[in-house]
Amino acid sequence: MMPVNQQQRSRNRNQLLVEGAAQAIDQLKFEIAQEFGVQLGPDTTSRANGSVGGEITKRLVATAQSQLAGGAFPQQ
């Protein structure tokens, strides 16, 4: 059994840091699924559902890199 503070940390790991991001990510997910011709859901293969998740990650990383390159975030 994990200590309480470790349980809380792992349970909170997937919380979004930006309010409203959940809706934007869901919209992106459905747009990508439509582009790929994937019907999201439990009856779809893990490979098909995973391809959508992988593309979301790829696009979010590209957006962040673009913003960082443009100086949108201060250096620490």
Protein backbone atom coordinates (compact mmCIF):
# COMPACT_ATOMS: atom_id res chain seq x y z
CA MET A 1 0.00 0.00 0.00
CA MET A 2 1.33 3.45 -0.95
CA PRO A 3 1.71 6.23 1.62
CA VAL A 4 -1.18 8.71 1.52
CA ASN A 5 0.85 11.60 0.07
CA GLN A 6 2.13 9.37 -2.74
CA GLN A 7 -1.43 8.21 -3.52
CA GLN A 8 -2.62 11.81 -3.72
CA ARG A 9 0.24 12.74 -6.01
CA SER A 10 -0.38 9.89 -8.46
CA ARG A 11 -4.11 10.53 -8.39
CA ASN A 12 -3.62 14.23 -9.27
CA ARG A 13 -1.06 13.64 -12.01
CA ASN A 14 -3.54 13.99 -14.89
CA GLN A 15 -5.22 17.19 -13.77
CA LEU A 16 -5.14 19.92 -16.37
CA LEU A 17 -3.20 23.03 -15.44
CA VAL A 18 -5.08 25.41 -17.73
CA GLU A 19 -8.79 25.97 -17.23
CA GLY A 20 -10.75 25.26 -20.39
CA ALA A 21 -8.03 23.01 -21.78
CA ALA A 22 -10.18 19.90 -21.47
CA GLN A 23 -12.69 21.19 -24.00
CA ALA A 24 -9.94 22.23 -26.42
CA ILE A 25 -8.21 18.86 -26.14
CA ASP A 26 -11.51 17.01 -26.65
CA GLN A 27 -12.21 19.09 -29.74
CA LEU A 28 -8.71 18.35 -31.06
CA LYS A 29 -9.24 14.64 -30.33
CA PHE A 30 -12.45 14.49 -32.35
CA GLU A 31 -10.97 16.52 -35.22
CA ILE A 32 -7.99 14.16 -35.45
CA ALA A 33 -10.22 11.09 -35.22
CA GLN A 34 -12.28 12.43 -38.10
CA GLU A 35 -9.13 13.16 -40.14
CA PHE A 36 -7.88 9.61 -39.51
CA GLY A 37 -11.29 8.03 -40.10
CA VAL A 38 -11.34 6.59 -36.58
CA GLN A 39 -14.60 6.08 -34.68
CA LEU A 40 -13.50 6.60 -31.06
CA GLY A 41 -14.91 4.23 -28.47
CA PRO A 42 -14.54 0.93 -26.66
CA ASP A 43 -15.20 -1.11 -29.82
CA THR A 44 -12.30 0.51 -31.68
CA THR A 45 -8.89 -1.14 -31.55
CA SER A 46 -6.26 0.16 -29.16
CA ARG A 47 -4.05 0.84 -32.16
CA ALA A 48 -6.65 3.12 -33.79
CA ASN A 49 -7.50 4.93 -30.55
CA GLY A 50 -3.79 5.19 -29.75
CA SER A 51 -3.01 6.75 -33.11
CA VAL A 52 -5.33 9.62 -32.19
CA GLY A 53 -3.64 10.07 -28.80
CA GLY A 54 -0.21 9.99 -30.41
CA GLU A 55 -1.20 12.66 -32.92
CA ILE A 56 -2.61 14.85 -30.12
CA THR A 57 0.74 14.61 -28.34
CA LYS A 58 2.67 15.36 -31.53
CA ARG A 59 0.59 18.47 -32.23
CA LEU A 60 0.75 19.75 -28.64
CA VAL A 61 4.54 19.35 -28.60
CA ALA A 62 4.84 21.14 -31.95
CA THR A 63 2.69 24.00 -30.64
CA ALA A 64 4.77 24.31 -27.48
CA GLN A 65 8.04 24.24 -29.44
CA SER A 66 6.73 26.93 -31.76
CA GLN A 67 5.73 29.11 -28.82
CA LEU A 68 9.06 28.58 -27.09
CA ALA A 69 10.98 29.42 -30.26
CA GLY A 70 8.96 32.60 -30.61
CA GLY A 71 9.81 33.67 -27.08
CA ALA A 72 6.27 33.27 -25.77
CA PHE A 73 7.57 31.88 -22.47
CA PRO A 74 10.19 33.51 -20.24
CA GLN A 75 13.48 31.67 -19.77
CA GLN A 76 14.09 30.31 -16.28
